[in-house]
């Protein structure tokens, strides 16, 4: 299968990933964890989740839970308000076959 055929099957999924603490994770000192808004490409949501978790583990974070919010089309069908910036990041994730962390929200007790 050519790269062009494979990339045409790729979709971008919006994921919310909760991470715990781990040495070297880059979170603020008093944070207990964080939520990451992620745009990840994959042929299906399961692949996007697997790739995201693998990359986050390589980046010295401790993924605990992943919630999927679907593709751009699925989110639009549900009436989500999607900004131009989000659309740009989703397109970049698709073009680069990548996982893009769009937002990090640390948790504090």
N, C-alpha and C. Protein backbone atom coordinates (compact mmCIF):
# COMPACT_ATOMS: atom_id res chain seq x y z
N UNK A 1 0.85 -1.17 0.00
CA UNK A 1 0.00 0.00 0.00
C UNK A 1 0.90 1.24 0.00
N UNK A 2 0.60 2.16 -0.88
CA UNK A 2 1.41 3.37 -0.96
C UNK A 2 1.09 4.30 0.20
N UNK A 3 2.01 5.22 0.47
CA UNK A 3 1.78 6.19 1.54
C UNK A 3 0.53 7.01 1.27
N UNK A 4 0.29 7.34 -0.02
CA UNK A 4 -0.89 8.13 -0.37
C UNK A 4 -2.17 7.38 -0.02
N UNK A 5 -2.21 6.06 -0.31
CA UNK A 5 -3.39 5.27 0.03
C UNK A 5 -3.58 5.21 1.54
N UNK A 6 -2.49 5.03 2.27
CA UNK A 6 -2.60 4.94 3.73
C UNK A 6 -3.05 6.27 4.31
N UNK A 7 -2.48 7.39 3.86
CA UNK A 7 -2.82 8.68 4.44
C UNK A 7 -4.27 9.05 4.15
N UNK A 8 -4.83 8.54 3.03
CA UNK A 8 -6.21 8.87 2.72
C UNK A 8 -7.16 8.20 3.71
N UNK A 9 -6.73 7.14 4.33
CA UNK A 9 -7.56 6.46 5.35
C UNK A 9 -7.39 7.09 6.72
N UNK A 10 -6.34 7.88 6.89
CA UNK A 10 -6.08 8.50 8.19
C UNK A 10 -7.16 9.52 8.52
N UNK A 11 -7.58 9.52 9.75
CA UNK A 11 -8.48 10.55 10.25
C UNK A 11 -7.82 11.11 11.51
N UNK A 12 -8.30 12.25 11.95
CA UNK A 12 -7.77 12.86 13.16
C UNK A 12 -8.84 12.80 14.24
N UNK A 13 -8.43 12.31 15.40
CA UNK A 13 -9.34 12.15 16.53
C UNK A 13 -8.95 13.13 17.63
N UNK A 14 -9.96 13.69 18.28
CA UNK A 14 -9.74 14.56 19.43
C UNK A 14 -9.79 13.68 20.67
N UNK A 15 -8.72 13.74 21.46
CA UNK A 15 -8.61 12.91 22.66
C UNK A 15 -8.32 13.79 23.86
N UNK A 16 -8.87 13.41 25.00
CA UNK A 16 -8.53 14.05 26.27
C UNK A 16 -7.79 13.00 27.09
N UNK A 17 -6.52 13.29 27.42
CA UNK A 17 -5.69 12.32 28.13
C UNK A 17 -5.39 12.86 29.52
N UNK A 18 -5.67 12.05 30.53
CA UNK A 18 -5.28 12.40 31.90
C UNK A 18 -3.95 11.74 32.19
N UNK A 19 -3.02 12.52 32.73
CA UNK A 19 -1.72 11.96 33.10
C UNK A 19 -1.47 12.16 34.58
N UNK A 20 -0.73 11.23 35.16
CA UNK A 20 -0.29 11.34 36.54
C UNK A 20 1.11 11.93 36.59
N UNK A 21 1.70 11.92 37.76
CA UNK A 21 3.06 12.47 37.92
C UNK A 21 4.10 11.41 37.65
N UNK A 22 5.22 11.87 37.10
CA UNK A 22 6.37 11.02 36.84
C UNK A 22 7.59 11.93 36.80
N UNK A 23 8.72 11.47 37.31
CA UNK A 23 9.94 12.28 37.25
C UNK A 23 10.21 12.71 35.82
N UNK A 24 10.51 13.98 35.64
CA UNK A 24 10.85 14.51 34.32
C UNK A 24 9.66 14.81 33.44
N UNK A 25 8.43 14.85 34.01
CA UNK A 25 7.25 15.05 33.18
C UNK A 25 7.02 16.50 32.75
N UNK A 26 7.76 17.44 33.35
CA UNK A 26 7.65 18.83 32.94
C UNK A 26 6.47 19.58 33.52
N UNK A 27 5.70 18.94 34.39
CA UNK A 27 4.56 19.63 35.00
C UNK A 27 5.03 20.53 36.13
N UNK A 28 4.23 21.54 36.49
CA UNK A 28 4.59 22.40 37.63
C UNK A 28 4.81 21.56 38.90
N UNK A 29 5.70 22.05 39.77
CA UNK A 29 6.13 21.30 40.95
C UNK A 29 4.98 20.79 41.81
N UNK A 30 3.97 21.60 42.05
CA UNK A 30 2.88 21.21 42.97
C UNK A 30 1.71 20.53 42.26
N UNK A 31 1.80 20.34 40.94
CA UNK A 31 0.72 19.69 40.20
C UNK A 31 0.62 18.22 40.59
N UNK A 32 -0.61 17.70 40.58
CA UNK A 32 -0.84 16.29 40.89
C UNK A 32 -1.03 15.47 39.61
N UNK A 33 -1.08 16.14 38.49
CA UNK A 33 -1.29 15.52 37.19
C UNK A 33 -1.74 16.59 36.23
N UNK A 34 -2.30 16.16 35.09
CA UNK A 34 -2.76 17.13 34.11
C UNK A 34 -3.73 16.47 33.14
N UNK A 35 -4.45 17.33 32.43
CA UNK A 35 -5.28 16.91 31.31
C UNK A 35 -4.65 17.47 30.04
N UNK A 36 -4.55 16.64 29.02
CA UNK A 36 -3.98 17.05 27.75
C UNK A 36 -5.04 16.93 26.67
N UNK A 37 -5.27 18.02 25.93
CA UNK A 37 -6.14 17.95 24.75
C UNK A 37 -5.22 17.62 23.58
N UNK A 38 -5.53 16.53 22.90
CA UNK A 38 -4.64 15.98 21.88
C UNK A 38 -5.42 15.77 20.58
N UNK A 39 -4.75 16.05 19.46
CA UNK A 39 -5.26 15.69 18.14
C UNK A 39 -4.32 14.63 17.61
N UNK A 40 -4.85 13.45 17.30
CA UNK A 40 -4.01 12.32 16.90
C UNK A 40 -4.58 11.67 15.65
N UNK A 41 -3.69 11.36 14.71
CA UNK A 41 -4.13 10.70 13.48
C UNK A 41 -4.13 9.19 13.68
N UNK A 42 -5.00 8.54 12.92
CA UNK A 42 -5.07 7.09 12.94
C UNK A 42 -6.11 6.61 11.97
N UNK A 43 -6.03 5.33 11.59
CA UNK A 43 -7.06 4.78 10.71
C UNK A 43 -8.36 4.56 11.47
N UNK A 44 -8.25 4.46 12.80
CA UNK A 44 -9.43 4.41 13.66
C UNK A 44 -9.04 4.99 15.02
N UNK A 45 -10.05 5.17 15.88
CA UNK A 45 -9.76 5.81 17.16
C UNK A 45 -8.84 4.96 18.02
N UNK A 46 -8.97 3.65 17.96
CA UNK A 46 -8.11 2.77 18.77
C UNK A 46 -6.64 2.97 18.40
N UNK A 47 -6.34 3.09 17.10
CA UNK A 47 -4.95 3.32 16.69
C UNK A 47 -4.48 4.69 17.18
N UNK A 48 -5.33 5.70 17.08
CA UNK A 48 -4.96 7.04 17.54
C UNK A 48 -4.65 7.02 19.04
N UNK A 49 -5.43 6.29 19.81
CA UNK A 49 -5.20 6.18 21.26
C UNK A 49 -3.88 5.45 21.53
N UNK A 50 -3.65 4.33 20.85
CA UNK A 50 -2.40 3.57 21.05
C UNK A 50 -1.18 4.43 20.75
N UNK A 51 -1.21 5.14 19.62
CA UNK A 51 -0.08 6.00 19.23
C UNK A 51 0.13 7.11 20.25
N UNK A 52 -0.96 7.70 20.71
CA UNK A 52 -0.87 8.80 21.68
C UNK A 52 -0.24 8.31 22.98
N UNK A 53 -0.72 7.19 23.50
CA UNK A 53 -0.19 6.65 24.75
C UNK A 53 1.29 6.31 24.60
N UNK A 54 1.66 5.70 23.49
CA UNK A 54 3.07 5.34 23.27
C UNK A 54 3.96 6.58 23.24
N UNK A 55 3.53 7.61 22.54
CA UNK A 55 4.33 8.84 22.45
C UNK A 55 4.41 9.54 23.79
N UNK A 56 3.31 9.58 24.53
CA UNK A 56 3.34 10.23 25.84
C UNK A 56 4.24 9.48 26.82
N UNK A 57 4.28 8.16 26.73
CA UNK A 57 5.19 7.39 27.59
C UNK A 57 6.64 7.69 27.21
N UNK A 58 6.93 7.80 25.90
CA UNK A 58 8.29 8.15 25.46
C UNK A 58 8.69 9.53 25.95
N UNK A 59 7.69 10.40 26.15
CA UNK A 59 7.95 11.78 26.59
C UNK A 59 7.99 11.88 28.12
N UNK A 60 8.19 10.76 28.81
CA UNK A 60 8.29 10.72 30.27
C UNK A 60 7.05 11.24 30.98
N UNK A 61 5.87 10.92 30.43
CA UNK A 61 4.63 11.19 31.17
C UNK A 61 3.99 9.87 31.53
N UNK A 62 2.99 9.92 32.40
CA UNK A 62 2.32 8.72 32.87
C UNK A 62 0.83 8.78 32.51
N UNK A 63 0.47 8.37 31.28
CA UNK A 63 -0.94 8.40 30.88
C UNK A 63 -1.78 7.47 31.76
N UNK A 64 -2.91 7.99 32.25
CA UNK A 64 -3.79 7.21 33.12
C UNK A 64 -5.10 6.84 32.44
N UNK A 65 -5.66 7.78 31.66
CA UNK A 65 -6.98 7.57 31.06
C UNK A 65 -7.08 8.38 29.78
N UNK A 66 -7.77 7.84 28.79
CA UNK A 66 -7.98 8.54 27.52
C UNK A 66 -9.47 8.52 27.20
N UNK A 67 -10.02 9.70 26.90
CA UNK A 67 -11.41 9.82 26.46
C UNK A 67 -11.40 10.31 25.02
N UNK A 68 -12.17 9.66 24.16
CA UNK A 68 -12.24 10.05 22.76
C UNK A 68 -13.44 10.92 22.49
N UNK A 69 -13.25 11.95 21.67
CA UNK A 69 -14.34 12.85 21.29
C UNK A 69 -14.64 12.78 19.81
N UNK A 70 -14.00 11.85 19.08
CA UNK A 70 -14.33 11.62 17.70
C UNK A 70 -13.53 12.45 16.71
N UNK A 71 -13.93 12.33 15.45
CA UNK A 71 -13.30 13.05 14.35
C UNK A 71 -13.92 14.44 14.24
N UNK A 72 -13.34 15.25 13.37
CA UNK A 72 -13.88 16.58 13.11
C UNK A 72 -15.33 16.47 12.68
N UNK A 73 -15.63 15.59 11.73
CA UNK A 73 -17.00 15.44 11.23
C UNK A 73 -17.95 15.00 12.35
N UNK A 74 -17.51 14.09 13.20
CA UNK A 74 -18.35 13.63 14.32
C UNK A 74 -18.60 14.76 15.30
N UNK A 75 -17.57 15.54 15.59
CA UNK A 75 -17.73 16.66 16.52
C UNK A 75 -18.65 17.72 15.94
N UNK A 76 -18.51 18.00 14.64
CA UNK A 76 -19.40 18.98 14.00
C UNK A 76 -20.85 18.50 14.06
N UNK A 77 -21.07 17.20 13.81
CA UNK A 77 -22.42 16.64 13.85
C UNK A 77 -23.04 16.77 15.24
N UNK A 78 -22.19 16.76 16.27
CA UNK A 78 -22.67 16.90 17.64
C UNK A 78 -22.83 18.36 18.06
N UNK A 79 -22.47 19.27 17.14
CA UNK A 79 -22.65 20.69 17.43
C UNK A 79 -21.52 21.34 18.20
N UNK A 80 -20.35 20.70 18.26
CA UNK A 80 -19.20 21.28 18.96
C UNK A 80 -18.76 22.55 18.24
N UNK A 81 -18.36 23.56 19.00
CA UNK A 81 -17.80 24.78 18.44
C UNK A 81 -16.31 24.54 18.25
N UNK A 82 -15.84 24.53 17.00
CA UNK A 82 -14.45 24.20 16.70
C UNK A 82 -13.79 25.43 16.08
N UNK A 83 -12.77 25.91 16.75
CA UNK A 83 -12.10 27.14 16.30
C UNK A 83 -11.23 26.88 15.07
N UNK A 84 -10.86 27.97 14.40
CA UNK A 84 -9.94 27.85 13.26
C UNK A 84 -8.60 27.27 13.71
N UNK A 85 -8.14 27.66 14.90
CA UNK A 85 -6.87 27.13 15.42
C UNK A 85 -6.94 25.62 15.60
N UNK A 86 -8.08 25.12 16.17
CA UNK A 86 -8.25 23.67 16.32
C UNK A 86 -8.23 22.98 14.96
N UNK A 87 -8.92 23.57 13.99
CA UNK A 87 -8.97 22.98 12.65
C UNK A 87 -7.57 22.91 12.05
N UNK A 88 -6.79 23.98 12.25
CA UNK A 88 -5.42 24.01 11.75
C UNK A 88 -4.58 22.89 12.39
N UNK A 89 -4.69 22.73 13.72
CA UNK A 89 -3.93 21.69 14.41
C UNK A 89 -4.37 20.29 13.97
N UNK A 90 -5.66 20.11 13.74
CA UNK A 90 -6.16 18.82 13.26
C UNK A 90 -5.59 18.52 11.87
N UNK A 91 -5.58 19.53 11.00
CA UNK A 91 -5.04 19.33 9.65
C UNK A 91 -3.55 19.01 9.72
N UNK A 92 -2.85 19.69 10.62
CA UNK A 92 -1.42 19.43 10.79
C UNK A 92 -1.19 17.99 11.26
N UNK A 93 -2.00 17.53 12.22
CA UNK A 93 -1.88 16.15 12.71
C UNK A 93 -2.09 15.16 11.56
N UNK A 94 -3.05 15.46 10.70
CA UNK A 94 -3.32 14.57 9.56
C UNK A 94 -2.17 14.63 8.55
N UNK A 95 -1.74 15.85 8.19
CA UNK A 95 -0.68 16.01 7.20
C UNK A 95 0.62 15.34 7.64
N UNK A 96 0.93 15.45 8.93
CA UNK A 96 2.19 14.93 9.45
C UNK A 96 2.05 13.53 10.04
N UNK A 97 0.82 12.96 10.01
CA UNK A 97 0.56 11.66 10.64
C UNK A 97 1.12 11.68 12.06
N UNK A 98 0.66 12.67 12.84
CA UNK A 98 1.28 12.98 14.12
C UNK A 98 0.27 13.02 15.26
N UNK A 99 0.84 13.13 16.45
CA UNK A 99 0.08 13.40 17.68
C UNK A 99 0.44 14.81 18.11
N UNK A 100 -0.54 15.68 18.20
CA UNK A 100 -0.31 17.07 18.56
C UNK A 100 -0.99 17.35 19.90
N UNK A 101 -0.20 17.78 20.89
CA UNK A 101 -0.76 18.19 22.18
C UNK A 101 -1.13 19.67 22.04
N UNK A 102 -2.42 19.95 22.07
CA UNK A 102 -2.90 21.30 21.83
C UNK A 102 -3.01 22.13 23.11
N UNK A 103 -3.25 21.45 24.24
CA UNK A 103 -3.44 22.18 25.49
C UNK A 103 -3.07 21.27 26.66
N UNK A 104 -2.42 21.86 27.67
CA UNK A 104 -2.08 21.15 28.90
C UNK A 104 -2.69 21.92 30.06
N UNK A 105 -3.52 21.24 30.85
CA UNK A 105 -4.13 21.86 32.02
C UNK A 105 -3.69 21.09 33.27
N UNK A 106 -2.73 21.64 34.04
CA UNK A 106 -2.27 20.94 35.25
C UNK A 106 -3.39 20.87 36.30
N UNK A 107 -3.35 19.79 37.09
CA UNK A 107 -4.26 19.63 38.22
C UNK A 107 -3.51 19.93 39.51
N UNK A 108 -4.17 20.62 40.42
CA UNK A 108 -3.63 20.90 41.73
C UNK A 108 -4.65 20.48 42.77
N UNK A 109 -4.19 20.00 43.95
CA UNK A 109 -5.13 19.61 45.01
C UNK A 109 -5.89 20.81 45.52
